[in-house]
Amino acid sequence: MDRNELTNIFPKIAVVIPCYRVRKHILGVITQIGQEVDRIYIVDDCCPDNSGNFVEKRCKDERVTVIRNLENQGVGGAVMTGYQAAIGEGMDIIVKVDGDGQMDPKLIPDFIEPILAGFADYTKGNRFFDLEEIRAMPKLRIFGNAILSFMTKISSGYWDLFDPTNGYTAIHRDVARHLPFTKISRRYFFETDMLFRLNLLRAVVIDIPMDAKYGDEVSNLKASKIVGEFFFKHIRNLGKRIFYNYYLRDMSLASFELPIGSLMIAFGTIFGIIHWINALQSGIPTTAGTVMILALPIIIGIQFILAFIGYDISSVPKRPFHLQKKVRPEHYVKKY
């Protein structure tokens, strides 16, 4: 039996835990991680509490490896450090769990199962499946998450996902190794930027229902400081995704619907404003025929845009990326 066959039977599971001011909770998180996990990477992201030293002195779990970032790189940078370590040691699936105790490590099997079964390349938590549990969530967080989810659907192309900032994730090694580690956002936009990068790979992503736990942990996220940053990064990712997926790597009917629809709306809007200004200055009302001529491009343009959105929604990746690498032309040659 070769190494690949052994891997299929006994996949190696790793857990990456970014550590920054989670000293009070980190040991409890580690002790709850089940025996299905082979390696646990504690990434001390230049933590002022010296989380790495604390874990090394207090934790006796032989699976634990402490990695230290010499400079604080944010949650994204810490996760990328863990990913690279796991890939280097031949781990097959890499789970990311926060060290603040909000994520139940007992759910790890739920996150890795769809990947092992060949249904997904990347799984992420969703705290909005159980409507009864949502009542325990702060109202401001619910509203903010709804807005962020809608923006992420548009920019990432994963229209069937929700709760984009959820950091409880699992990824297949063959997908992780193709990520541009130096380009992914390293701070609070990390989870959202990951979805954008995964869509460019055409990776299959699915939500995993979970309940969030809220204790005495303190969030470092300040909404007022990230609203503008998130908005512009979403616009940037949307532009890149449309260019890469609809013009650079492939073209379809939707590639024509978007620019035609946009131009028609712009034409109708601009000339409509010009005629409206002229009518105000001259005192002569615009004729019904002129109004119809100006409104028609806007109506048709909206239809083109809606057709593009419909195509984009139906184009959510459905074939796992990591399985495509296992199907090679020589297999068909030998069979047929």
C-alpha atoms as a PDB file:
ATOM      1  CA  MET A   1       0.000   0.000   0.000  1.00  0.00           C
ATOM      2  CA  ASP A   2       1.536   3.331  -1.088  1.00  0.00           C
ATOM      3  CA  ARG A   3       1.553   6.607   0.836  1.00  0.00           C
ATOM      4  CA  ASN A   4      -1.476   8.051  -0.996  1.00  0.00           C
ATOM      5  CA  GLU A   5      -3.613   5.034  -0.088  1.00  0.00           C
ATOM      6  CA  LEU A   6      -2.534   5.293   3.539  1.00  0.00           C
ATOM      7  CA  THR A   7      -3.419   8.986   3.528  1.00  0.00           C
ATOM      8  CA  ASN A   8      -6.929   8.233   2.255  1.00  0.00           C
ATOM      9  CA  ILE A   9      -7.469   5.776   5.131  1.00  0.00           C
ATOM     10  CA  PHE A  10      -5.724   7.742   7.886  1.00  0.00           C
ATOM     11  CA  PRO A  11      -5.739  11.438   6.946  1.00  0.00           C
ATOM     12  CA  LYS A  12      -3.570  13.678   9.079  1.00  0.00           C
ATOM     13  CA  ILE A  13      -5.519  16.427  10.803  1.00  0.00           C
ATOM     14  CA  ALA A  14      -3.924  19.613  12.124  1.00  0.00           C
ATOM     15  CA  VAL A  15      -5.346  22.454  14.186  1.00  0.00           C
ATOM     16  CA  VAL A  16      -3.981  25.990  13.986  1.00  0.00           C
ATOM     17  CA  ILE A  17      -4.674  28.312  16.926  1.00  0.00           C
ATOM     18  CA  PRO A  18      -3.602  31.975  16.565  1.00  0.00           C
ATOM     19  CA  CYS A  19      -2.706  33.371  19.967  1.00  0.00           C
ATOM     20  CA  TYR A  20      -2.945  37.016  20.915  1.00  0.00           C
ATOM     21  CA  ARG A  21      -4.073  37.905  24.417  1.00  0.00           C
ATOM     22  CA  VAL A  22      -5.931  34.628  24.964  1.00  0.00           C
ATOM     23  CA  ARG A  23      -3.771  33.340  27.814  1.00  0.00           C
ATOM     24  CA  LYS A  24      -6.810  32.881  30.080  1.00  0.00           C
ATOM     25  CA  HIS A  25      -8.572  30.523  27.635  1.00  0.00           C
ATOM     26  CA  ILE A  26      -5.906  28.807  25.529  1.00  0.00           C
ATOM     27  CA  LEU A  27      -5.206  25.798  27.771  1.00  0.00           C
ATOM     28  CA  GLY A  28      -8.908  25.032  28.032  1.00  0.00           C
ATOM     29  CA  VAL A  29      -9.215  25.109  24.233  1.00  0.00           C
ATOM     30  CA  ILE A  30      -6.280  22.712  23.808  1.00  0.00           C
ATOM     31  CA  THR A  31      -7.611  20.191  26.339  1.00  0.00           C
ATOM     32  CA  GLN A  32     -10.937  19.967  24.461  1.00  0.00           C
ATOM     33  CA  ILE A  33      -9.318  19.003  21.142  1.00  0.00           C
ATOM     34  CA  GLY A  34     -10.062  15.341  20.429  1.00  0.00           C
ATOM     35  CA  GLN A  35      -7.743  12.514  19.439  1.00  0.00           C
ATOM     36  CA  GLU A  36      -8.770  12.778  15.783  1.00  0.00           C
ATOM     37  CA  VAL A  37      -6.246  15.633  15.582  1.00  0.00           C
ATOM     38  CA  ASP A  38      -2.596  14.750  14.950  1.00  0.00           C
ATOM     39  CA  ARG A  39      -0.916  18.136  15.376  1.00  0.00           C
ATOM     40  CA  ILE A  40      -1.776  21.382  17.163  1.00  0.00           C
ATOM     41  CA  TYR A  41       0.064  24.529  16.078  1.00  0.00           C
ATOM     42  CA  ILE A  42      -0.004  27.356  18.609  1.00  0.00           C
ATOM     43  CA  VAL A  43       0.989  30.534  16.754  1.00  0.00           C
ATOM     44  CA  ASP A  44       2.211  33.179  19.196  1.00  0.00           C
ATOM     45  CA  ASP A  45       1.594  36.313  17.144  1.00  0.00           C
ATOM     46  CA  CYS A  46       4.071  38.445  19.107  1.00  0.00           C
ATOM     47  CA  CYS A  47       1.619  38.245  22.002  1.00  0.00           C
ATOM     48  CA  PRO A  48       2.309  40.738  24.834  1.00  0.00           C
ATOM     49  CA  ASP A  49       1.201  38.026  27.303  1.00  0.00           C
ATOM     50  CA  ASN A  50       3.838  35.582  25.990  1.00  0.00           C
ATOM     51  CA  SER A  51       1.198  32.978  25.149  1.00  0.00           C
ATOM     52  CA  GLY A  52       3.786  30.737  23.495  1.00  0.00           C
ATOM     53  CA  ASN A  53       5.935  30.472  26.624  1.00  0.00           C
ATOM     54  CA  PHE A  54       2.830  29.974  28.759  1.00  0.00           C
ATOM     55  CA  VAL A  55       1.650  27.031  26.637  1.00  0.00           C
ATOM     56  CA  GLU A  56       5.094  25.419  26.538  1.00  0.00           C
ATOM     57  CA  LYS A  57       5.368  25.534  30.343  1.00  0.00           C
ATOM     58  CA  ARG A  58       1.814  24.487  31.216  1.00  0.00           C
ATOM     59  CA  CYS A  59       0.722  22.162  28.374  1.00  0.00           C
ATOM     60  CA  LYS A  60       1.913  18.532  28.316  1.00  0.00           C
ATOM     61  CA  ASP A  61       0.095  17.534  25.108  1.00  0.00           C
ATOM     62  CA  GLU A  62       2.723  16.025  22.786  1.00  0.00           C
ATOM     63  CA  ARG A  63       0.774  17.112  19.724  1.00  0.00           C
ATOM     64  CA  VAL A  64       1.383  20.796  20.497  1.00  0.00           C
ATOM     65  CA  THR A  65       4.007  22.798  18.603  1.00  0.00           C
ATOM     66  CA  VAL A  66       4.536  26.471  19.433  1.00  0.00           C
ATOM     67  CA  ILE A  67       5.424  28.808  16.557  1.00  0.00           C
ATOM     68  CA  ARG A  68       6.399  32.420  17.179  1.00  0.00           C
ATOM     69  CA  ASN A  69       5.973  35.396  14.866  1.00  0.00           C
ATOM     70  CA  LEU A  70       8.692  37.948  15.559  1.00  0.00           C
ATOM     71  CA  GLU A  71       6.257  40.734  14.621  1.00  0.00           C
ATOM     72  CA  ASN A  72       2.516  40.918  15.096  1.00  0.00           C
ATOM     73  CA  GLN A  73       0.897  39.971  11.765  1.00  0.00           C
ATOM     74  CA  GLY A  74      -2.754  39.868  12.740  1.00  0.00           C
ATOM     75  CA  VAL A  75      -5.026  36.854  12.690  1.00  0.00           C
ATOM     76  CA  GLY A  76      -4.500  36.315   8.952  1.00  0.00           C
ATOM     77  CA  GLY A  77      -0.733  36.352   9.227  1.00  0.00           C
ATOM     78  CA  ALA A  78      -0.839  33.967  12.188  1.00  0.00           C
ATOM     79  CA  VAL A  79      -3.099  31.533  10.331  1.00  0.00           C
ATOM     80  CA  MET A  80      -0.882  31.653   7.242  1.00  0.00           C
ATOM     81  CA  THR A  81       2.109  30.821   9.445  1.00  0.00           C
ATOM     82  CA  GLY A  82       0.212  27.824  10.814  1.00  0.00           C
ATOM     83  CA  TYR A  83      -0.906  26.718   7.351  1.00  0.00           C
ATOM     84  CA  GLN A  84       2.652  26.728   6.054  1.00  0.00           C
ATOM     85  CA  ALA A  85       3.886  24.714   9.033  1.00  0.00           C
ATOM     86  CA  ALA A  86       1.107  22.156   8.586  1.00  0.00           C
ATOM     87  CA  ILE A  87       1.736  21.823   4.841  1.00  0.00           C
ATOM     88  CA  GLY A  88       5.452  21.399   5.518  1.00  0.00           C
ATOM     89  CA  GLU A  89       4.758  18.491   7.867  1.00  0.00           C
ATOM     90  CA  GLY A  90       2.392  16.758   5.441  1.00  0.00           C
ATOM     91  CA  MET A  91      -0.921  17.421   7.169  1.00  0.00           C
ATOM     92  CA  ASP A  92      -3.958  16.679   4.999  1.00  0.00           C
ATOM     93  CA  ILE A  93      -6.657  18.879   6.557  1.00  0.00           C
ATOM     94  CA  ILE A  94      -5.983  22.052   8.527  1.00  0.00           C
ATOM     95  CA  VAL A  95      -8.551  23.357  10.994  1.00  0.00           C
ATOM     96  CA  LYS A  96      -8.376  26.893  12.363  1.00  0.00           C
ATOM     97  CA  VAL A  97      -9.774  27.473  15.857  1.00  0.00           C
ATOM     98  CA  ASP A  98      -9.572  30.679  17.885  1.00  0.00           C
ATOM     99  CA  GLY A  99      -7.923  30.578  21.276  1.00  0.00           C
ATOM    100  CA  ASP A 100     -10.545  32.663  23.106  1.00  0.00           C
ATOM    101  CA  GLY A 101     -12.913  29.783  23.866  1.00  0.00           C
ATOM    102  CA  GLN A 102     -15.763  30.933  21.593  1.00  0.00           C
ATOM    103  CA  MET A 103     -15.374  27.930  19.279  1.00  0.00           C
ATOM    104  CA  ASP A 104     -16.154  24.428  20.532  1.00  0.00           C
ATOM    105  CA  PRO A 105     -13.285  22.061  19.553  1.00  0.00           C
ATOM    106  CA  LYS A 106     -15.708  19.150  19.774  1.00  0.00           C
ATOM    107  CA  LEU A 107     -17.143  20.331  16.432  1.00  0.00           C
ATOM    108  CA  ILE A 108     -13.881  19.623  14.588  1.00  0.00           C
ATOM    109  CA  PRO A 109     -15.200  16.293  13.159  1.00  0.00           C
ATOM    110  CA  ASP A 110     -18.171  18.193  11.700  1.00  0.00           C
ATOM    111  CA  PHE A 111     -15.807  20.539   9.857  1.00  0.00           C
ATOM    112  CA  ILE A 112     -13.478  17.879   8.436  1.00  0.00           C
ATOM    113  CA  GLU A 113     -16.126  15.320   7.449  1.00  0.00           C
ATOM    114  CA  PRO A 114     -17.378  17.108   4.264  1.00  0.00           C
ATOM    115  CA  ILE A 115     -13.771  17.498   3.086  1.00  0.00           C
ATOM    116  CA  LEU A 116     -12.947  13.841   3.726  1.00  0.00           C
ATOM    117  CA  ALA A 117     -16.147  12.824   1.943  1.00  0.00           C
ATOM    118  CA  GLY A 118     -15.172  14.849  -1.132  1.00  0.00           C
ATOM    119  CA  PHE A 119     -18.016  17.343  -0.849  1.00  0.00           C
ATOM    120  CA  ALA A 120     -15.933  20.442  -0.065  1.00  0.00           C
ATOM    121  CA  ASP A 121     -12.474  21.991  -0.147  1.00  0.00           C
ATOM    122  CA  TYR A 122     -13.121  24.462   2.663  1.00  0.00           C
ATOM    123  CA  THR A 123     -15.670  24.522   5.454  1.00  0.00           C
ATOM    124  CA  LYS A 124     -16.596  27.434   7.685  1.00  0.00           C
ATOM    125  CA  GLY A 125     -18.885  27.960  10.632  1.00  0.00           C
ATOM    126  CA  ASN A 126     -22.289  29.591  10.439  1.00  0.00           C
ATOM    127  CA  ARG A 127     -23.892  30.808  13.663  1.00  0.00           C
ATOM    128  CA  PHE A 128     -27.203  31.680  11.985  1.00  0.00           C
ATOM    129  CA  PHE A 129     -28.691  28.250  11.264  1.00  0.00           C
ATOM    130  CA  ASP A 130     -30.558  27.896  14.548  1.00  0.00           C
ATOM    131  CA  LEU A 131     -32.963  30.811  14.904  1.00  0.00           C
ATOM    132  CA  GLU A 132     -33.384  30.162  18.627  1.00  0.00           C
ATOM    133  CA  GLU A 133     -29.649  30.492  19.224  1.00  0.00           C
ATOM    134  CA  ILE A 134     -29.531  33.790  17.335  1.00  0.00           C
ATOM    135  CA  ARG A 135     -31.526  35.399  20.148  1.00  0.00           C
ATOM    136  CA  ALA A 136     -28.509  35.030  22.430  1.00  0.00           C
ATOM    137  CA  MET A 137     -26.338  36.980  20.002  1.00  0.00           C
ATOM    138  CA  PRO A 138     -25.895  40.745  20.512  1.00  0.00           C
ATOM    139  CA  LYS A 139     -28.339  42.623  18.258  1.00  0.00           C
ATOM    140  CA  LEU A 140     -25.671  44.929  16.866  1.00  0.00           C
ATOM    141  CA  ARG A 141     -23.586  41.902  15.877  1.00  0.00           C
ATOM    142  CA  ILE A 142     -26.555  40.339  14.079  1.00  0.00           C
ATOM    143  CA  PHE A 143     -27.155  43.502  12.061  1.00  0.00           C
ATOM    144  CA  GLY A 144     -23.465  43.956  11.240  1.00  0.00           C
ATOM    145  CA  ASN A 145     -23.099  40.345  10.195  1.00  0.00           C
ATOM    146  CA  ALA A 146     -26.103  40.577   7.881  1.00  0.00           C
ATOM    147  CA  ILE A 147     -24.573  43.591   6.118  1.00  0.00           C
ATOM    148  CA  LEU A 148     -21.136  41.977   5.873  1.00  0.00           C
ATOM    149  CA  SER A 149     -22.651  38.730   4.587  1.00  0.00           C
ATOM    150  CA  PHE A 150     -24.459  40.532   1.768  1.00  0.00           C
ATOM    151  CA  MET A 151     -21.317  42.434   0.780  1.00  0.00           C
ATOM    152  CA  THR A 152     -19.260  39.221   0.887  1.00  0.00           C
ATOM    153  CA  LYS A 153     -21.747  37.352  -1.299  1.00  0.00           C
ATOM    154  CA  ILE A 154     -21.263  39.994  -3.989  1.00  0.00           C
ATOM    155  CA  SER A 155     -17.482  40.343  -3.767  1.00  0.00           C
ATOM    156  CA  SER A 156     -16.570  36.672  -3.235  1.00  0.00           C
ATOM    157  CA  GLY A 157     -19.135  35.022  -5.527  1.00  0.00           C
ATOM    158  CA  TYR A 158     -20.261  32.555  -2.824  1.00  0.00           C
ATOM    159  CA  TRP A 159     -23.918  33.528  -2.829  1.00  0.00           C
ATOM    160  CA  ASP A 160     -24.962  30.500  -0.747  1.00  0.00           C
ATOM    161  CA  LEU A 161     -22.816  31.348   2.304  1.00  0.00           C
ATOM    162  CA  PHE A 162     -23.543  33.409   5.396  1.00  0.00           C
ATOM    163  CA  ASP A 163     -21.611  34.621   8.459  1.00  0.00           C
ATOM    164  CA  PRO A 164     -18.450  35.502   6.473  1.00  0.00           C
ATOM    165  CA  THR A 165     -16.409  36.698   9.457  1.00  0.00           C
ATOM    166  CA  ASN A 166     -16.719  33.332  11.204  1.00  0.00           C
ATOM    167  CA  GLY A 167     -13.170  32.129  11.843  1.00  0.00           C
ATOM    168  CA  TYR A 168     -13.940  28.480  12.585  1.00  0.00           C
ATOM    169  CA  THR A 169     -12.696  26.868   9.356  1.00  0.00           C
ATOM    170  CA  ALA A 170     -11.122  23.770   7.832  1.00  0.00           C
ATOM    171  CA  ILE A 171      -9.233  23.502   4.538  1.00  0.00           C
ATOM    172  CA  HIS A 172      -7.730  20.732   2.441  1.00  0.00           C
ATOM    173  CA  ARG A 173      -3.961  20.848   2.059  1.00  0.00           C
ATOM    174  CA  ASP A 174      -4.080  20.827  -1.771  1.00  0.00           C
ATOM    175  CA  VAL A 175      -6.173  23.988  -1.664  1.00  0.00           C
ATOM    176  CA  ALA A 176      -4.158  25.709   1.053  1.00  0.00           C
ATOM    177  CA  ARG A 177      -0.881  25.209  -0.787  1.00  0.00           C
ATOM    178  CA  HIS A 178      -2.265  27.149  -3.794  1.00  0.00           C
ATOM    179  CA  LEU A 179      -3.189  30.207  -1.742  1.00  0.00           C
ATOM    180  CA  PRO A 180      -1.114  33.374  -2.270  1.00  0.00           C
ATOM    181  CA  PHE A 181       0.121  33.593   1.322  1.00  0.00           C
ATOM    182  CA  THR A 182       1.757  36.994   0.859  1.00  0.00           C
ATOM    183  CA  LYS A 183      -1.339  38.616  -0.695  1.00  0.00           C
ATOM    184  CA  ILE A 184      -4.134  37.543   1.661  1.00  0.00           C
ATOM    185  CA  SER A 185      -5.294  40.231   4.061  1.00  0.00           C
ATOM    186  CA  ARG A 186      -3.618  39.663   7.418  1.00  0.00           C
ATOM    187  CA  ARG A 187      -5.998  41.370   9.802  1.00  0.00           C
ATOM    188  CA  TYR A 188      -9.761  41.563  10.296  1.00  0.00           C
ATOM    189  CA  PHE A 189     -10.575  41.241   6.592  1.00  0.00           C
ATOM    190  CA  PHE A 190      -8.785  37.886   6.533  1.00  0.00           C
ATOM    191  CA  GLU A 191     -11.798  35.514   6.550  1.00  0.00           C
ATOM    192  CA  THR A 192     -13.570  37.516   3.845  1.00  0.00           C
ATOM    193  CA  ASP A 193     -10.465  37.778   1.686  1.00  0.00           C
ATOM    194  CA  MET A 194      -9.993  34.012   2.015  1.00  0.00           C
ATOM    195  CA  LEU A 195     -13.387  33.450   0.369  1.00  0.00           C
ATOM    196  CA  PHE A 196     -12.404  35.735  -2.512  1.00  0.00           C
ATOM    197  CA  ARG A 197      -9.130  33.828  -3.017  1.00  0.00           C
ATOM    198  CA  LEU A 198     -10.914  30.472  -2.809  1.00  0.00           C
ATOM    199  CA  ASN A 199     -13.393  31.533  -5.491  1.00  0.00           C
ATOM    200  CA  LEU A 200     -10.509  32.360  -7.831  1.00  0.00           C
ATOM    201  CA  LEU A 201      -9.348  28.752  -7.322  1.00  0.00           C
ATOM    202  CA  ARG A 202     -12.937  27.556  -7.925  1.00  0.00           C
ATOM    203  CA  ALA A 203     -12.872  25.797  -4.558  1.00  0.00           C
ATOM    204  CA  VAL A 204     -16.077  24.418  -3.056  1.00  0.00           C
ATOM    205  CA  VAL A 205     -17.000  26.069   0.252  1.00  0.00           C
ATOM    206  CA  ILE A 206     -19.859  25.032   2.530  1.00  0.00           C
ATOM    207  CA  ASP A 207     -21.264  26.313   5.824  1.00  0.00           C
ATOM    208  CA  ILE A 208     -21.259  24.200   8.988  1.00  0.00           C
ATOM    209  CA  PRO A 209     -23.983  24.972  11.563  1.00  0.00           C
ATOM    210  CA  MET A 210     -22.575  25.914  14.957  1.00  0.00           C
ATOM    211  CA  ASP A 211     -23.460  27.796  18.113  1.00  0.00           C
ATOM    212  CA  ALA A 212     -21.327  30.683  19.294  1.00  0.00           C
ATOM    213  CA  LYS A 213     -20.247  30.978  22.903  1.00  0.00           C
ATOM    214  CA  TYR A 214     -19.899  34.414  24.479  1.00  0.00           C
ATOM    215  CA  GLY A 215     -18.023  34.709  27.751  1.00  0.00           C
ATOM    216  CA  ASP A 216     -15.671  37.238  29.290  1.00  0.00           C
ATOM    217  CA  GLU A 217     -13.396  37.465  26.263  1.00  0.00           C
ATOM    218  CA  VAL A 218     -12.672  40.954  24.919  1.00  0.00           C
ATOM    219  CA  SER A 219     -12.885  41.611  21.192  1.00  0.00           C
ATOM    220  CA  ASN A 220     -10.133  43.678  19.581  1.00  0.00           C
ATOM    221  CA  LEU A 221     -12.403  44.533  16.644  1.00  0.00           C
ATOM    222  CA  LYS A 222     -13.683  48.107  16.516  1.00  0.00           C
ATOM    223  CA  ALA A 223     -16.491  48.415  13.949  1.00  0.00           C
ATOM    224  CA  SER A 224     -15.990  52.146  13.462  1.00  0.00           C
ATOM    225  CA  LYS A 225     -12.413  51.581  12.330  1.00  0.00           C
ATOM    226  CA  ILE A 226     -13.071  48.848   9.765  1.00  0.00           C
ATOM    227  CA  VAL A 227     -16.292  49.908   7.995  1.00  0.00           C
ATOM    228  CA  GLY A 228     -14.531  52.051   5.377  1.00  0.00           C
ATOM    229  CA  GLU A 229     -11.666  49.610   4.976  1.00  0.00           C
ATOM    230  CA  PHE A 230     -14.038  46.680   4.450  1.00  0.00           C
ATOM    231  CA  PHE A 231     -16.134  48.609   1.910  1.00  0.00           C
ATOM    232  CA  PHE A 232     -13.208  49.519  -0.343  1.00  0.00           C
ATOM    233  CA  LYS A 233     -11.685  46.046  -0.084  1.00  0.00           C
ATOM    234  CA  HIS A 234     -15.003  44.499  -1.114  1.00  0.00           C
ATOM    235  CA  ILE A 235     -15.138  46.794  -4.159  1.00  0.00           C
ATOM    236  CA  ARG A 236     -11.545  45.874  -5.043  1.00  0.00           C
ATOM    237  CA  ASN A 237     -12.201  42.131  -4.733  1.00  0.00           C
ATOM    238  CA  LEU A 238     -15.400  42.365  -6.768  1.00  0.00           C
ATOM    239  CA  GLY A 239     -13.565  44.083  -9.610  1.00  0.00           C
ATOM    240  CA  LYS A 240     -10.754  41.528  -9.555  1.00  0.00           C
ATOM    241  CA  ARG A 241     -13.132  38.569  -9.438  1.00  0.00           C
ATOM    242  CA  ILE A 242     -15.199  39.786 -12.369  1.00  0.00           C
ATOM    243  CA  PHE A 243     -12.082  40.466 -14.442  1.00  0.00           C
ATOM    244  CA  TYR A 244     -10.433  37.117 -13.637  1.00  0.00           C
ATOM    245  CA  ASN A 245     -13.519  34.909 -13.938  1.00  0.00           C
ATOM    246  CA  TYR A 246     -15.401  36.596 -16.792  1.00  0.00           C
ATOM    247  CA  TYR A 247     -12.706  38.052 -19.035  1.00  0.00           C
ATOM    248  CA  LEU A 248      -9.221  36.696 -18.310  1.00  0.00           C
ATOM    249  CA  ARG A 249      -9.830  32.970 -17.753  1.00  0.00           C
ATOM    250  CA  ASP A 250     -13.214  32.486 -19.378  1.00  0.00           C
ATOM    251  CA  MET A 251     -15.915  34.293 -21.317  1.00  0.00           C
ATOM    252  CA  SER A 252     -19.642  33.689 -21.424  1.00  0.00           C
ATOM    253  CA  LEU A 253     -22.851  35.514 -22.255  1.00  0.00           C
ATOM    254  CA  ALA A 254     -22.602  37.163 -18.832  1.00  0.00           C
ATOM    255  CA  SER A 255     -19.302  38.741 -19.923  1.00  0.00           C
ATOM    256  CA  PHE A 256     -21.306  40.852 -22.396  1.00  0.00           C
ATOM    257  CA  GLU A 257     -24.401  41.397 -20.248  1.00  0.00           C
ATOM    258  CA  LEU A 258     -22.514  43.283 -17.530  1.00  0.00           C
ATOM    259  CA  PRO A 259     -20.807  45.970 -19.674  1.00  0.00           C
ATOM    260  CA  ILE A 260     -23.801  46.427 -21.986  1.00  0.00           C
ATOM    261  CA  GLY A 261     -26.173  46.773 -19.036  1.00  0.00           C
ATOM    262  CA  SER A 262     -23.842  49.196 -17.249  1.00  0.00           C
ATOM    263  CA  LEU A 263     -23.414  51.382 -20.341  1.00  0.00           C
ATOM    264  CA  MET A 264     -27.144  51.510 -21.032  1.00  0.00           C
ATOM    265  CA  ILE A 265     -27.923  52.523 -17.449  1.00  0.00           C
ATOM    266  CA  ALA A 266     -25.181  55.151 -17.526  1.00  0.00           C
ATOM    267  CA  PHE A 267     -26.425  56.496 -20.889  1.00  0.00           C
ATOM    268  CA  GLY A 268     -30.049  56.749 -19.753  1.00  0.00           C
ATOM    269  CA  THR A 269     -29.120  58.294 -16.398  1.00  0.00           C
ATOM    270  CA  ILE A 270     -26.682  60.909 -17.748  1.00  0.00           C
ATOM    271  CA  PHE A 271     -28.892  62.081 -20.599  1.00  0.00           C
ATOM    272  CA  GLY A 272     -31.933  62.015 -18.339  1.00  0.00           C
ATOM    273  CA  ILE A 273     -30.207  64.374 -15.898  1.00  0.00           C
ATOM    274  CA  ILE A 274     -29.130  66.656 -18.778  1.00  0.00           C
ATOM    275  CA  HIS A 275     -32.700  66.892 -20.132  1.00  0.00           C
ATOM    276  CA  TRP A 276     -34.063  67.462 -16.624  1.00  0.00           C
ATOM    277  CA  ILE A 277     -31.643  70.365 -16.049  1.00  0.00           C
ATOM    278  CA  ASN A 278     -32.472  71.836 -19.456  1.00  0.00           C
ATOM    279  CA  ALA A 279     -36.188  71.595 -18.690  1.00  0.00           C
ATOM    280  CA  LEU A 280     -35.698  73.447 -15.376  1.00  0.00           C
ATOM    281  CA  GLN A 281     -33.668  76.208 -17.027  1.00  0.00           C
ATOM    282  CA  SER A 282     -35.945  76.679 -20.046  1.00  0.00           C
ATOM    283  CA  GLY A 283     -39.228  76.136 -18.269  1.00  0.00           C
ATOM    284  CA  ILE A 284     -40.308  73.802 -21.081  1.00  0.00           C
ATOM    285  CA  PRO A 285     -41.320  70.367 -19.765  1.00  0.00           C
ATOM    286  CA  THR A 286     -39.696  67.311 -21.351  1.00  0.00           C
ATOM    287  CA  THR A 287     -42.023  65.493 -23.718  1.00  0.00           C
ATOM    288  CA  ALA A 288     -43.371  62.029 -22.904  1.00  0.00           C
ATOM    289  CA  GLY A 289     -41.570  60.612 -25.949  1.00  0.00           C
ATOM    290  CA  THR A 290     -38.216  61.932 -24.749  1.00  0.00           C
ATOM    291  CA  VAL A 291     -38.828  60.503 -21.273  1.00  0.00           C
ATOM    292  CA  MET A 292     -39.548  57.074 -22.759  1.00  0.00           C
ATOM    293  CA  ILE A 293     -36.442  57.211 -24.943  1.00  0.00           C
ATOM    294  CA  LEU A 294     -34.318  57.995 -21.863  1.00  0.00           C
ATOM    295  CA  ALA A 295     -36.078  55.459 -19.602  1.00  0.00           C
ATOM    296  CA  LEU A 296     -35.868  52.565 -22.058  1.00  0.00           C
ATOM    297  CA  PRO A 297     -32.045  52.144 -21.870  1.00  0.00           C
ATOM    298  CA  ILE A 298     -32.242  52.182 -18.057  1.00  0.00           C
ATOM    299  CA  ILE A 299     -34.958  49.508 -17.992  1.00  0.00           C
ATOM    300  CA  ILE A 300     -33.144  47.291 -20.493  1.00  0.00           C
ATOM    301  CA  GLY A 301     -29.809  47.893 -18.729  1.00  0.00           C
ATOM    302  CA  ILE A 302     -31.290  46.759 -15.407  1.00  0.00           C
ATOM    303  CA  GLN A 303     -32.507  43.577 -17.099  1.00  0.00           C
ATOM    304  CA  PHE A 304     -28.998  42.886 -18.389  1.00  0.00           C
ATOM    305  CA  ILE A 305     -27.514  43.437 -14.905  1.00  0.00           C
ATOM    306  CA  LEU A 306     -30.093  41.123 -13.335  1.00  0.00           C
ATOM    307  CA  ALA A 307     -29.281  38.479 -15.957  1.00  0.00           C
ATOM    308  CA  PHE A 308     -25.585  38.787 -15.063  1.00  0.00           C
ATOM    309  CA  ILE A 309     -26.327  38.418 -11.356  1.00  0.00           C
ATOM    310  CA  GLY A 310     -28.463  35.344 -12.069  1.00  0.00           C
ATOM    311  CA  TYR A 311     -25.606  33.773 -14.016  1.00  0.00           C
ATOM    312  CA  ASP A 312     -23.127  34.654 -11.258  1.00  0.00           C
ATOM    313  CA  ILE A 313     -25.333  33.041  -8.604  1.00  0.00           C
ATOM    314  CA  SER A 314     -25.615  29.844 -10.649  1.00  0.00           C
ATOM    315  CA  SER A 315     -21.829  29.751 -11.122  1.00  0.00           C
ATOM    316  CA  VAL A 316     -20.957  29.013  -7.472  1.00  0.00           C
ATOM    317  CA  PRO A 317     -18.217  26.303  -7.579  1.00  0.00           C
ATOM    318  CA  LYS A 318     -19.614  22.789  -7.191  1.00  0.00           C
ATOM    319  CA  ARG A 319     -16.705  20.461  -8.011  1.00  0.00           C
ATOM    320  CA  PRO A 320     -14.055  20.239  -5.244  1.00  0.00           C
ATOM    321  CA  PHE A 321     -10.676  21.575  -6.271  1.00  0.00           C
ATOM    322  CA  HIS A 322      -8.654  18.960  -4.388  1.00  0.00           C
ATOM    323  CA  LEU A 323     -10.407  16.114  -6.228  1.00  0.00           C
ATOM    324  CA  GLN A 324      -9.650  17.557  -9.664  1.00  0.00           C
ATOM    325  CA  LYS A 325      -5.930  17.078  -9.067  1.00  0.00           C
ATOM    326  CA  LYS A 326      -6.483  13.355  -8.552  1.00  0.00           C
ATOM    327  CA  VAL A 327      -8.066  12.832 -11.974  1.00  0.00           C
ATOM    328  CA  ARG A 328      -5.319  12.865 -14.580  1.00  0.00           C
ATOM    329  CA  PRO A 329      -5.433  12.159 -18.346  1.00  0.00           C
ATOM    330  CA  GLU A 330      -3.391   8.964 -18.020  1.00  0.00           C
ATOM    331  CA  HIS A 331      -6.188   7.447 -15.965  1.00  0.00           C
ATOM    332  CA  TYR A 332      -8.531   7.729 -18.931  1.00  0.00           C
ATOM    333  CA  VAL A 333      -5.896   6.434 -21.331  1.00  0.00           C
ATOM    334  CA  LYS A 334      -5.390   3.289 -19.260  1.00  0.00           C
ATOM    335  CA  LYS A 335      -9.134   2.755 -18.858  1.00  0.00           C
ATOM    336  CA  TYR A 336     -10.193   3.300 -22.454  1.00  0.00           C
END
